Amino acid sequence: GIEISSLNSAEAEAQTQALLKQDQVVLFEPAIRFNDYLV
């Protein structure tokens, strides 16, 4: 697993999106944003 450690939402989202381009990956604390929602 790869941890998304950045507390900055924009940075965490960018790291998450880049890693999700892989076909198989496990992420810890990925930032998933849609409109005004962020988890």
Full PDB file with SEQRES, HELIX, SHEET, SSBOND, CRYST1, ORIGX, SCALE, CONECT and MASTER records, all heavy atoms in Angstrom:
SEQRES   1 A   39  GLY ILE GLU ILE SER SER LEU ASN SER ALA GLU ALA GLU          
SEQRES   2 A   39  ALA GLN THR GLN ALA LEU LEU LYS GLN ASP GLN VAL VAL          
SEQRES   3 A   39  LEU PHE GLU PRO ALA ILE ARG PHE ASN ASP TYR LEU VAL          
HELIX    1 AA1 SER A    9  LEU A   19  1                                  11    
SHEET    1 AA1 2 ILE A   2  GLU A   3  0                                        
SHEET    2 AA1 2 LEU A  27  PHE A  28  1                                        
SHEET    1 AA2 2 ARG A  33  PHE A  34  0                                        
SHEET    2 AA2 2 TYR A  37  LEU A  38 -1                                        
CRYST1    1.000    1.000    1.000  90.00  90.00  90.00 P 1           1          
ORIGX1      1.000000  0.000000  0.000000        0.00000                         
ORIGX2      0.000000  1.000000  0.000000        0.00000                         
ORIGX3      0.000000  0.000000  1.000000        0.00000                         
SCALE1      1.000000  0.000000  0.000000        0.00000                         
SCALE2      0.000000  1.000000  0.000000        0.00000                         
SCALE3      0.000000  0.000000  1.000000        0.00000                         
ATOM      1  N   GLY A   1       0.804  -1.212   0.000  1.00  0.00           N  
ATOM      2  CA  GLY A   1       0.000   0.000   0.000  1.00  0.00           C  
ATOM      3  C   GLY A   1       0.840   1.267   0.000  1.00  0.00           C  
ATOM      4  O   GLY A   1       1.944   1.308   0.549  1.00  0.00           O  
ATOM      5  N   ILE A   2       0.301   2.301  -0.617  1.00  0.00           N  
ATOM      6  CA  ILE A   2       0.979   3.597  -0.726  1.00  0.00           C  
ATOM      7  C   ILE A   2       0.165   4.624   0.052  1.00  0.00           C  
ATOM      8  O   ILE A   2      -1.041   4.771  -0.180  1.00  0.00           O  
ATOM      9  CB  ILE A   2       1.113   4.042  -2.187  1.00  0.00           C  
ATOM     10  CG1 ILE A   2       1.873   2.985  -2.998  1.00  0.00           C  
ATOM     11  CG2 ILE A   2       1.801   5.398  -2.284  1.00  0.00           C  
ATOM     12  CD1 ILE A   2       1.862   3.249  -4.492  1.00  0.00           C  
ATOM     13  N   GLU A   3       0.821   5.336   0.945  1.00  0.00           N  
ATOM     14  CA  GLU A   3       0.112   6.320   1.761  1.00  0.00           C  
ATOM     15  C   GLU A   3       0.170   7.709   1.120  1.00  0.00           C  
ATOM     16  O   GLU A   3       1.225   8.165   0.678  1.00  0.00           O  
ATOM     17  CB  GLU A   3       0.710   6.391   3.170  1.00  0.00           C  
ATOM     18  CG  GLU A   3      -0.021   7.384   4.063  1.00  0.00           C  
ATOM     19  CD  GLU A   3       0.030   6.999   5.530  1.00  0.00           C  
ATOM     20  OE1 GLU A   3       0.819   6.102   5.876  1.00  0.00           O  
ATOM     21  OE2 GLU A   3      -0.732   7.580   6.317  1.00  0.00           O  
ATOM     22  N   ILE A   4      -1.002   8.353   1.079  1.00  0.00           N  
ATOM     23  CA  ILE A   4      -1.081   9.741   0.633  1.00  0.00           C  
ATOM     24  C   ILE A   4      -0.995  10.590   1.899  1.00  0.00           C  
ATOM     25  O   ILE A   4      -1.982  10.764   2.610  1.00  0.00           O  
ATOM     26  CB  ILE A   4      -2.392  10.028  -0.124  1.00  0.00           C  
ATOM     27  CG1 ILE A   4      -2.611   9.002  -1.237  1.00  0.00           C  
ATOM     28  CG2 ILE A   4      -2.388  11.448  -0.670  1.00  0.00           C  
ATOM     29  CD1 ILE A   4      -1.566   9.009  -2.307  1.00  0.00           C  
ATOM     30  N   SER A   5       0.172  11.085   2.195  1.00  0.00           N  
ATOM     31  CA  SER A   5       0.417  11.714   3.491  1.00  0.00           C  
ATOM     32  C   SER A   5       0.187  13.221   3.517  1.00  0.00           C  
ATOM     33  O   SER A   5       0.102  13.821   4.587  1.00  0.00           O  
ATOM     34  CB  SER A   5       1.846  11.422   3.958  1.00  0.00           C  
ATOM     35  OG  SER A   5       2.782  11.873   2.997  1.00  0.00           O  
ATOM     36  N   SER A   6       0.086  13.844   2.361  1.00  0.00           N  
ATOM     37  CA  SER A   6      -0.065  15.294   2.324  1.00  0.00           C  
ATOM     38  C   SER A   6      -1.366  15.728   2.977  1.00  0.00           C  
ATOM     39  O   SER A   6      -2.431  15.135   2.750  1.00  0.00           O  
ATOM     40  CB  SER A   6      -0.023  15.810   0.882  1.00  0.00           C  
ATOM     41  OG  SER A   6      -0.268  17.204   0.849  1.00  0.00           O  
ATOM     42  N   LEU A   7      -1.303  16.779   3.802  1.00  0.00           N  
ATOM     43  CA  LEU A   7      -2.500  17.339   4.428  1.00  0.00           C  
ATOM     44  C   LEU A   7      -3.143  18.402   3.546  1.00  0.00           C  
ATOM     45  O   LEU A   7      -4.260  18.847   3.828  1.00  0.00           O  
ATOM     46  CB  LEU A   7      -2.143  17.946   5.795  1.00  0.00           C  
ATOM     47  CG  LEU A   7      -1.560  16.979   6.823  1.00  0.00           C  
ATOM     48  CD1 LEU A   7      -1.251  17.716   8.124  1.00  0.00           C  
ATOM     49  CD2 LEU A   7      -2.509  15.820   7.085  1.00  0.00           C  
ATOM     50  N   ASN A   8      -2.435  18.806   2.507  1.00  0.00           N  
ATOM     51  CA  ASN A   8      -2.980  19.773   1.566  1.00  0.00           C  
ATOM     52  C   ASN A   8      -3.931  19.057   0.608  1.00  0.00           C  
ATOM     53  O   ASN A   8      -3.534  18.102  -0.075  1.00  0.00           O  
ATOM     54  CB  ASN A   8      -1.840  20.444   0.790  1.00  0.00           C  
ATOM     55  CG  ASN A   8      -2.343  21.461  -0.207  1.00  0.00           C  
ATOM     56  OD1 ASN A   8      -2.771  21.116  -1.301  1.00  0.00           O  
ATOM     57  ND2 ASN A   8      -2.293  22.733   0.174  1.00  0.00           N  
ATOM     58  N   SER A   9      -5.165  19.489   0.565  1.00  0.00           N  
ATOM     59  CA  SER A   9      -6.190  18.781  -0.206  1.00  0.00           C  
ATOM     60  C   SER A   9      -5.844  18.692  -1.690  1.00  0.00           C  
ATOM     61  O   SER A   9      -6.004  17.639  -2.310  1.00  0.00           O  
ATOM     62  CB  SER A   9      -7.551  19.467  -0.030  1.00  0.00           C  
ATOM     63  OG  SER A   9      -7.956  19.427   1.315  1.00  0.00           O  
ATOM     64  N   ALA A  10      -5.379  19.802  -2.254  1.00  0.00           N  
ATOM     65  CA  ALA A  10      -5.066  19.810  -3.684  1.00  0.00           C  
ATOM     66  C   ALA A  10      -3.905  18.870  -3.994  1.00  0.00           C  
ATOM     67  O   ALA A  10      -3.945  18.120  -4.982  1.00  0.00           O  
ATOM     68  CB  ALA A  10      -4.742  21.231  -4.136  1.00  0.00           C  
ATOM     69  N   GLU A  11      -2.868  18.893  -3.162  1.00  0.00           N  
ATOM     70  CA  GLU A  11      -1.730  18.003  -3.363  1.00  0.00           C  
ATOM     71  C   GLU A  11      -2.144  16.546  -3.219  1.00  0.00           C  
ATOM     72  O   GLU A  11      -1.754  15.691  -4.025  1.00  0.00           O  
ATOM     73  CB  GLU A  11      -0.623  18.330  -2.357  1.00  0.00           C  
ATOM     74  CG  GLU A  11       0.095  19.643  -2.607  1.00  0.00           C  
ATOM     75  CD  GLU A  11       1.187  19.893  -1.581  1.00  0.00           C  
ATOM     76  OE1 GLU A  11       1.402  19.006  -0.716  1.00  0.00           O  
ATOM     77  OE2 GLU A  11       1.816  20.962  -1.633  1.00  0.00           O  
ATOM     78  N   ALA A  12      -2.926  16.254  -2.177  1.00  0.00           N  
ATOM     79  CA  ALA A  12      -3.365  14.879  -1.935  1.00  0.00           C  
ATOM     80  C   ALA A  12      -4.233  14.374  -3.080  1.00  0.00           C  
ATOM     81  O   ALA A  12      -4.113  13.219  -3.510  1.00  0.00           O  
ATOM     82  CB  ALA A  12      -4.123  14.804  -0.617  1.00  0.00           C  
ATOM     83  N   GLU A  13      -5.088  15.238  -3.593  1.00  0.00           N  
ATOM     84  CA  GLU A  13      -5.951  14.840  -4.711  1.00  0.00           C  
ATOM     85  C   GLU A  13      -5.124  14.559  -5.958  1.00  0.00           C  
ATOM     86  O   GLU A  13      -5.371  13.570  -6.674  1.00  0.00           O  
ATOM     87  CB  GLU A  13      -6.976  15.938  -4.992  1.00  0.00           C  
ATOM     88  CG  GLU A  13      -7.954  15.569  -6.101  1.00  0.00           C  
ATOM     89  CD  GLU A  13      -8.892  16.703  -6.462  1.00  0.00           C  
ATOM     90  OE1 GLU A  13      -8.850  17.765  -5.806  1.00  0.00           O  
ATOM     91  OE2 GLU A  13      -9.669  16.516  -7.418  1.00  0.00           O  
ATOM     92  N   ALA A  14      -4.127  15.404  -6.218  1.00  0.00           N  
ATOM     93  CA  ALA A  14      -3.277  15.211  -7.399  1.00  0.00           C  
ATOM     94  C   ALA A  14      -2.484  13.912  -7.290  1.00  0.00           C  
ATOM     95  O   ALA A  14      -2.369  13.152  -8.268  1.00  0.00           O  
ATOM     96  CB  ALA A  14      -2.333  16.404  -7.549  1.00  0.00           C  
ATOM     97  N   GLN A  15      -1.940  13.623  -6.111  1.00  0.00           N  
ATOM     98  CA  GLN A  15      -1.201  12.378  -5.903  1.00  0.00           C  
ATOM     99  C   GLN A  15      -2.116  11.173  -6.090  1.00  0.00           C  
ATOM    100  O   GLN A  15      -1.735  10.170  -6.704  1.00  0.00           O  
ATOM    101  CB  GLN A  15      -0.591  12.364  -4.505  1.00  0.00           C  
ATOM    102  CG  GLN A  15       0.507  13.395  -4.280  1.00  0.00           C  
ATOM    103  CD  GLN A  15       0.927  13.486  -2.825  1.00  0.00           C  
ATOM    104  OE1 GLN A  15       0.580  12.628  -2.015  1.00  0.00           O  
ATOM    105  NE2 GLN A  15       1.674  14.527  -2.479  1.00  0.00           N  
ATOM    106  N   THR A  16      -3.334  11.294  -5.565  1.00  0.00           N  
ATOM    107  CA  THR A  16      -4.296  10.193  -5.679  1.00  0.00           C  
ATOM    108  C   THR A  16      -4.637   9.916  -7.132  1.00  0.00           C  
ATOM    109  O   THR A  16      -4.625   8.757  -7.582  1.00  0.00           O  
ATOM    110  CB  THR A  16      -5.579  10.531  -4.895  1.00  0.00           C  
ATOM    111  OG1 THR A  16      -5.266  10.697  -3.505  1.00  0.00           O  
ATOM    112  CG2 THR A  16      -6.616   9.428  -5.052  1.00  0.00           C  
ATOM    113  N   GLN A  17      -4.953  10.965  -7.889  1.00  0.00           N  
ATOM    114  CA  GLN A  17      -5.344  10.790  -9.279  1.00  0.00           C  
ATOM    115  C   GLN A  17      -4.207  10.181 -10.106  1.00  0.00           C  
ATOM    116  O   GLN A  17      -4.445   9.346 -10.984  1.00  0.00           O  
ATOM    117  CB  GLN A  17      -5.771  12.136  -9.879  1.00  0.00           C  
ATOM    118  CG  GLN A  17      -7.095  12.656  -9.342  1.00  0.00           C  
ATOM    119  CD  GLN A  17      -8.235  11.689  -9.596  1.00  0.00           C  
ATOM    120  OE1 GLN A  17      -8.377  11.137 -10.687  1.00  0.00           O  
ATOM    121  NE2 GLN A  17      -9.049  11.443  -8.572  1.00  0.00           N  
ATOM    122  N   ALA A  18      -2.981  10.582  -9.801  1.00  0.00           N  
ATOM    123  CA  ALA A  18      -1.833  10.031 -10.534  1.00  0.00           C  
ATOM    124  C   ALA A  18      -1.677   8.540 -10.255  1.00  0.00           C  
ATOM    125  O   ALA A  18      -1.439   7.740 -11.176  1.00  0.00           O  
ATOM    126  CB  ALA A  18      -0.563  10.789 -10.144  1.00  0.00           C  
ATOM    127  N   LEU A  19      -1.823   8.137  -9.003  1.00  0.00           N  
ATOM    128  CA  LEU A  19      -1.654   6.733  -8.638  1.00  0.00           C  
ATOM    129  C   LEU A  19      -2.815   5.871  -9.131  1.00  0.00           C  
ATOM    130  O   LEU A  19      -2.635   4.687  -9.423  1.00  0.00           O  
ATOM    131  CB  LEU A  19      -1.508   6.605  -7.119  1.00  0.00           C  
ATOM    132  CG  LEU A  19      -0.179   7.127  -6.566  1.00  0.00           C  
ATOM    133  CD1 LEU A  19      -0.240   7.281  -5.051  1.00  0.00           C  
ATOM    134  CD2 LEU A  19       0.960   6.179  -6.950  1.00  0.00           C  
ATOM    135  N   LEU A  20      -4.016   6.455  -9.226  1.00  0.00           N  
ATOM    136  CA  LEU A  20      -5.173   5.693  -9.698  1.00  0.00           C  
ATOM    137  C   LEU A  20      -5.112   5.390 -11.195  1.00  0.00           C  
ATOM    138  O   LEU A  20      -5.949   4.642 -11.708  1.00  0.00           O  
ATOM    139  CB  LEU A  20      -6.474   6.444  -9.373  1.00  0.00           C  
ATOM    140  CG  LEU A  20      -6.908   6.414  -7.903  1.00  0.00           C  
ATOM    141  CD1 LEU A  20      -8.202   7.190  -7.702  1.00  0.00           C  
ATOM    142  CD2 LEU A  20      -7.087   4.977  -7.405  1.00  0.00           C  
ATOM    143  N   LYS A  21      -4.116   5.953 -11.877  1.00  0.00           N  
ATOM    144  CA  LYS A  21      -3.927   5.608 -13.286  1.00  0.00           C  
ATOM    145  C   LYS A  21      -3.348   4.209 -13.433  1.00  0.00           C  
ATOM    146  O   LYS A  21      -3.412   3.615 -14.513  1.00  0.00           O  
ATOM    147  CB  LYS A  21      -3.010   6.639 -13.959  1.00  0.00           C  
ATOM    148  CG  LYS A  21      -3.650   8.014 -14.073  1.00  0.00           C  
ATOM    149  CD  LYS A  21      -2.696   9.014 -14.715  1.00  0.00           C  
ATOM    150  CE  LYS A  21      -3.329  10.389 -14.817  1.00  0.00           C  
ATOM    151  NZ  LYS A  21      -2.397  11.394 -15.412  1.00  0.00           N  
ATOM    152  N   GLN A  22      -2.791   3.678 -12.340  1.00  0.00           N  
ATOM    153  CA  GLN A  22      -2.297   2.309 -12.358  1.00  0.00           C  
ATOM    154  C   GLN A  22      -3.480   1.346 -12.386  1.00  0.00           C  
ATOM    155  O   GLN A  22      -4.551   1.628 -11.847  1.00  0.00           O  
ATOM    156  CB  GLN A  22      -1.433   2.029 -11.128  1.00  0.00           C  
ATOM    157  CG  GLN A  22      -0.210   2.922 -10.994  1.00  0.00           C  
ATOM    158  CD  GLN A  22       0.609   2.598  -9.772  1.00  0.00           C  
ATOM    159  OE1 GLN A  22       0.662   1.441  -9.339  1.00  0.00           O  
ATOM    160  NE2 GLN A  22       1.268   3.605  -9.209  1.00  0.00           N  
ATOM    161  N   ASP A  23      -3.268   0.189 -13.023  1.00  0.00           N  
ATOM    162  CA  ASP A  23      -4.355  -0.782 -13.123  1.00  0.00           C  
ATOM    163  C   ASP A  23      -4.645  -1.432 -11.773  1.00  0.00           C  
ATOM    164  O   ASP A  23      -5.808  -1.702 -11.450  1.00  0.00           O  
ATOM    165  CB  ASP A  23      -4.000  -1.863 -14.150  1.00  0.00           C  
ATOM    166  CG  ASP A  23      -5.199  -2.727 -14.492  1.00  0.00           C  
ATOM    167  OD1 ASP A  23      -6.233  -2.169 -14.908  1.00  0.00           O  
ATOM    168  OD2 ASP A  23      -5.102  -3.960 -14.334  1.00  0.00           O  
ATOM    169  N   GLN A  24      -3.603  -1.653 -10.995  1.00  0.00           N  
ATOM    170  CA  GLN A  24      -3.759  -2.243  -9.667  1.00  0.00           C  
ATOM    171  C   GLN A  24      -2.943  -1.438  -8.664  1.00  0.00           C  
ATOM    172  O   GLN A  24      -1.746  -1.220  -8.874  1.00  0.00           O  
ATOM    173  CB  GLN A  24      -3.306  -3.704  -9.652  1.00  0.00           C  
ATOM    174  CG  GLN A  24      -4.174  -4.639 -10.489  1.00  0.00           C  
ATOM    175  CD  GLN A  24      -3.703  -6.072 -10.414  1.00  0.00           C  
ATOM    176  OE1 GLN A  24      -2.502  -6.344 -10.345  1.00  0.00           O  
ATOM    177  NE2 GLN A  24      -4.645  -7.009 -10.414  1.00  0.00           N  
ATOM    178  N   VAL A  25      -3.587  -1.025  -7.579  1.00  0.00           N  
ATOM    179  CA  VAL A  25      -2.892  -0.241  -6.566  1.00  0.00           C  
ATOM    180  C   VAL A  25      -3.712  -0.238  -5.279  1.00  0.00           C  
ATOM    181  O   VAL A  25      -4.941  -0.367  -5.312  1.00  0.00           O  
ATOM    182  CB  VAL A  25      -2.663   1.216  -7.057  1.00  0.00           C  
ATOM    183  CG1 VAL A  25      -3.976   1.985  -7.161  1.00  0.00           C  
ATOM    184  CG2 VAL A  25      -1.674   1.946  -6.168  1.00  0.00           C  
ATOM    185  N   VAL A  26      -3.021  -0.140  -4.148  1.00  0.00           N  
ATOM    186  CA  VAL A  26      -3.659   0.002  -2.844  1.00  0.00           C  
ATOM    187  C   VAL A  26      -3.202   1.332  -2.260  1.00  0.00           C  
ATOM    188  O   VAL A  26      -2.001   1.598  -2.169  1.00  0.00           O  
ATOM    189  CB  VAL A  26      -3.268  -1.143  -1.879  1.00  0.00           C  
ATOM    190  CG1 VAL A  26      -3.909  -0.910  -0.506  1.00  0.00           C  
ATOM    191  CG2 VAL A  26      -3.707  -2.485  -2.444  1.00  0.00           C  
ATOM    192  N   LEU A  27      -4.160   2.157  -1.867  1.00  0.00           N  
ATOM    193  CA  LEU A  27      -3.848   3.485  -1.352  1.00  0.00           C  
ATOM    194  C   LEU A  27      -4.380   3.654   0.072  1.00  0.00           C  
ATOM    195  O   LEU A  27      -5.491   3.211   0.381  1.00  0.00           O  
ATOM    196  CB  LEU A  27      -4.458   4.568  -2.247  1.00  0.00           C  
ATOM    197  CG  LEU A  27      -4.011   4.579  -3.715  1.00  0.00           C  
ATOM    198  CD1 LEU A  27      -4.717   5.699  -4.466  1.00  0.00           C  
ATOM    199  CD2 LEU A  27      -2.494   4.720  -3.827  1.00  0.00           C  
ATOM    200  N   PHE A  28      -3.568   4.284   0.900  1.00  0.00           N  
ATOM    201  CA  PHE A  28      -3.983   4.657   2.248  1.00  0.00           C  
ATOM    202  C   PHE A  28      -4.256   6.166   2.273  1.00  0.00           C  
ATOM    203  O   PHE A  28      -3.423   6.959   1.829  1.00  0.00           O  
ATOM    204  CB  PHE A  28      -2.888   4.331   3.272  1.00  0.00           C  
ATOM    205  CG  PHE A  28      -2.438   2.894   3.280  1.00  0.00           C  
ATOM    206  CD1 PHE A  28      -1.104   2.569   3.461  1.00  0.00           C  
ATOM    207  CD2 PHE A  28      -3.342   1.859   3.101  1.00  0.00           C  
ATOM    208  CE1 PHE A  28      -0.670   1.255   3.469  1.00  0.00           C  
ATOM    209  CE2 PHE A  28      -2.935   0.528   3.099  1.00  0.00           C  
ATOM    210  CZ  PHE A  28      -1.591   0.230   3.285  1.00  0.00           C  
ATOM    211  N   GLU A  29      -5.407   6.543   2.758  1.00  0.00           N  
ATOM    212  CA  GLU A  29      -5.809   7.945   2.866  1.00  0.00           C  
ATOM    213  C   GLU A  29      -5.813   8.682   1.522  1.00  0.00           C  
ATOM    214  O   GLU A  29      -5.417   9.862   1.449  1.00  0.00           O  
ATOM    215  CB  GLU A  29      -4.915   8.692   3.857  1.00  0.00           C  
ATOM    216  CG  GLU A  29      -5.006   8.195   5.287  1.00  0.00           C  
ATOM    217  CD  GLU A  29      -6.361   8.514   5.926  1.00  0.00           C  
ATOM    218  OE1 GLU A  29      -6.991   9.524   5.544  1.00  0.00           O  
ATOM    219  OE2 GLU A  29      -6.781   7.744   6.811  1.00  0.00           O  
ATOM    220  N   PRO A  30      -6.280   8.047   0.442  1.00  0.00           N  
ATOM    221  CA  PRO A  30      -6.378   8.785  -0.813  1.00  0.00           C  
ATOM    222  C   PRO A  30      -7.447   9.869  -0.713  1.00  0.00           C  
ATOM    223  O   PRO A  30      -8.438   9.711   0.006  1.00  0.00           O  
ATOM    224  CB  PRO A  30      -6.776   7.703  -1.825  1.00  0.00           C  
ATOM    225  CG  PRO A  30      -7.538   6.706  -1.005  1.00  0.00           C  
ATOM    226  CD  PRO A  30      -6.816   6.671   0.315  1.00  0.00           C  
ATOM    227  N   ALA A  31      -7.226  10.964  -1.438  1.00  0.00           N  
ATOM    228  CA  ALA A  31      -8.184  12.076  -1.436  1.00  0.00           C  
ATOM    229  C   ALA A  31      -9.094  11.938  -2.655  1.00  0.00           C  
ATOM    230  O   ALA A  31      -8.643  12.070  -3.797  1.00  0.00           O  
ATOM    231  CB  ALA A  31      -7.440  13.401  -1.459  1.00  0.00           C  
ATOM    232  N   ILE A  32     -10.358  11.660  -2.393  1.00  0.00           N  
ATOM    233  CA  ILE A  32     -11.345  11.503  -3.457  1.00  0.00           C  
ATOM    234  C   ILE A  32     -12.274  12.711  -3.416  1.00  0.00           C  
ATOM    235  O   ILE A  32     -13.001  12.912  -2.441  1.00  0.00           O  
ATOM    236  CB  ILE A  32     -12.160  10.205  -3.284  1.00  0.00           C  
ATOM    237  CG1 ILE A  32     -11.236   8.986  -3.139  1.00  0.00           C  
ATOM    238  CG2 ILE A  32     -13.130  10.028  -4.447  1.00  0.00           C  
ATOM    239  CD1 ILE A  32     -10.361   8.723  -4.342  1.00  0.00           C  
ATOM    240  N   ARG A  33     -12.243  13.520  -4.480  1.00  0.00           N  
ATOM    241  CA  ARG A  33     -13.075  14.732  -4.497  1.00  0.00           C  
ATOM    242  C   ARG A  33     -14.034  14.713  -5.673  1.00  0.00           C  
ATOM    243  O   ARG A  33     -13.669  14.352  -6.786  1.00  0.00           O  
ATOM    244  CB  ARG A  33     -12.210  15.987  -4.580  1.00  0.00           C  
ATOM    245  CG  ARG A  33     -13.040  17.284  -4.489  1.00  0.00           C  
ATOM    246  CD  ARG A  33     -12.181  18.518  -4.686  1.00  0.00           C  
ATOM    247  NE  ARG A  33     -11.660  18.611  -6.038  1.00  0.00           N  
ATOM    248  CZ  ARG A  33     -12.350  19.118  -7.066  1.00  0.00           C  
ATOM    249  NH1 ARG A  33     -13.591  19.558  -6.893  1.00  0.00           N  
ATOM    250  NH2 ARG A  33     -11.803  19.162  -8.257  1.00  0.00           N  
ATOM    251  N   PHE A  34     -15.266  15.120  -5.387  1.00  0.00           N  
ATOM    252  CA  PHE A  34     -16.262  15.336  -6.441  1.00  0.00           C  
ATOM    253  C   PHE A  34     -17.049  16.583  -6.054  1.00  0.00           C  
ATOM    254  O   PHE A  34     -17.648  16.635  -4.973  1.00  0.00           O  
ATOM    255  CB  PHE A  34     -17.197  14.126  -6.580  1.00  0.00           C  
ATOM    256  CG  PHE A  34     -18.262  14.314  -7.630  1.00  0.00           C  
ATOM    257  CD1 PHE A  34     -17.948  14.197  -8.973  1.00  0.00           C  
ATOM    258  CD2 PHE A  34     -19.570  14.631  -7.272  1.00  0.00           C  
ATOM    259  CE1 PHE A  34     -18.920  14.387  -9.948  1.00  0.00           C  
ATOM    260  CE2 PHE A  34     -20.542  14.807  -8.242  1.00  0.00           C  
ATOM    261  CZ  PHE A  34     -20.222  14.684  -9.583  1.00  0.00           C  
ATOM    262  N   ASN A  35     -17.016  17.584  -6.924  1.00  0.00           N  
ATOM    263  CA  ASN A  35     -17.658  18.870  -6.629  1.00  0.00           C  
ATOM    264  C   ASN A  35     -17.194  19.392  -5.261  1.00  0.00           C  
ATOM    265  O   ASN A  35     -16.011  19.572  -5.049  1.00  0.00           O  
ATOM    266  CB  ASN A  35     -19.178  18.752  -6.716  1.00  0.00           C  
ATOM    267  CG  ASN A  35     -19.647  18.496  -8.146  1.00  0.00           C  
ATOM    268  OD1 ASN A  35     -18.905  18.741  -9.106  1.00  0.00           O  
ATOM    269  ND2 ASN A  35     -20.862  18.003  -8.314  1.00  0.00           N  
ATOM    270  N   ASP A  36     -18.114  19.584  -4.336  1.00  0.00           N  
ATOM    271  CA  ASP A  36     -17.766  20.136  -3.023  1.00  0.00           C  
ATOM    272  C   ASP A  36     -17.635  19.064  -1.952  1.00  0.00           C  
ATOM    273  O   ASP A  36     -17.695  19.368  -0.756  1.00  0.00           O  
ATOM    274  CB  ASP A  36     -18.809  21.180  -2.593  1.00  0.00           C  
ATOM    275  CG  ASP A  36     -18.813  22.393  -3.505  1.00  0.00           C  
ATOM    276  OD1 ASP A  36     -17.715  22.833  -3.907  1.00  0.00           O  
ATOM    277  OD2 ASP A  36     -19.903  22.899  -3.826  1.00  0.00           O  
ATOM    278  N   TYR A  37     -17.464  17.814  -2.362  1.00  0.00           N  
ATOM    279  CA  TYR A  37     -17.261  16.710  -1.421  1.00  0.00           C  
ATOM    280  C   TYR A  37     -15.806  16.254  -1.495  1.00  0.00           C  
ATOM    281  O   TYR A  37     -15.232  16.149  -2.584  1.00  0.00           O  
ATOM    282  CB  TYR A  37     -18.165  15.514  -1.750  1.00  0.00           C  
ATOM    283  CG  TYR A  37     -19.594  15.866  -2.069  1.00  0.00           C  
ATOM    284  CD1 TYR A  37     -20.169  15.477  -3.282  1.00  0.00           C  
ATOM    285  CD2 TYR A  37     -20.375  16.582  -1.173  1.00  0.00           C  
ATOM    286  CE1 TYR A  37     -21.478  15.786  -3.587  1.00  0.00           C  
ATOM    287  CE2 TYR A  37     -21.689  16.900  -1.475  1.00  0.00           C  
ATOM    288  CZ  TYR A  37     -22.238  16.502  -2.691  1.00  0.00           C  
ATOM    289  OH  TYR A  37     -23.540  16.822  -2.984  1.00  0.00           O  
ATOM    290  N   LEU A  38     -15.224  15.967  -0.353  1.00  0.00           N  
ATOM    291  CA  LEU A  38     -13.865  15.455  -0.322  1.00  0.00           C  
ATOM    292  C   LEU A  38     -13.746  14.433   0.798  1.00  0.00           C  
ATOM    293  O   LEU A  38     -14.018  14.755   1.958  1.00  0.00           O  
ATOM    294  CB  LEU A  38     -12.855  16.581  -0.078  1.00  0.00           C  
ATOM    295  CG  LEU A  38     -11.400  16.147   0.098  1.00  0.00           C  
ATOM    296  CD1 LEU A  38     -10.831  15.642  -1.229  1.00  0.00           C  
ATOM    297  CD2 LEU A  38     -10.548  17.291   0.630  1.00  0.00           C  
ATOM    298  N   VAL A  39     -13.363  13.205   0.459  1.00  0.00           N  
ATOM    299  CA  VAL A  39     -13.199  12.168   1.480  1.00  0.00           C  
ATOM    300  C   VAL A  39     -11.791  11.601   1.390  1.00  0.00           C  
ATOM    301  O   VAL A  39     -11.230  11.458   0.302  1.00  0.00           O  
ATOM    302  CB  VAL A  39     -14.242  11.033   1.330  1.00  0.00           C  
ATOM    303  CG1 VAL A  39     -15.646  11.564   1.584  1.00  0.00           C  
ATOM    304  CG2 VAL A  39     -14.161  10.366  -0.039  1.00  0.00           C  
TER     305      VAL A  39                                                      
MASTER        0    0    0    1    4    0    0    6  304    1    0    3          
END                                                                             
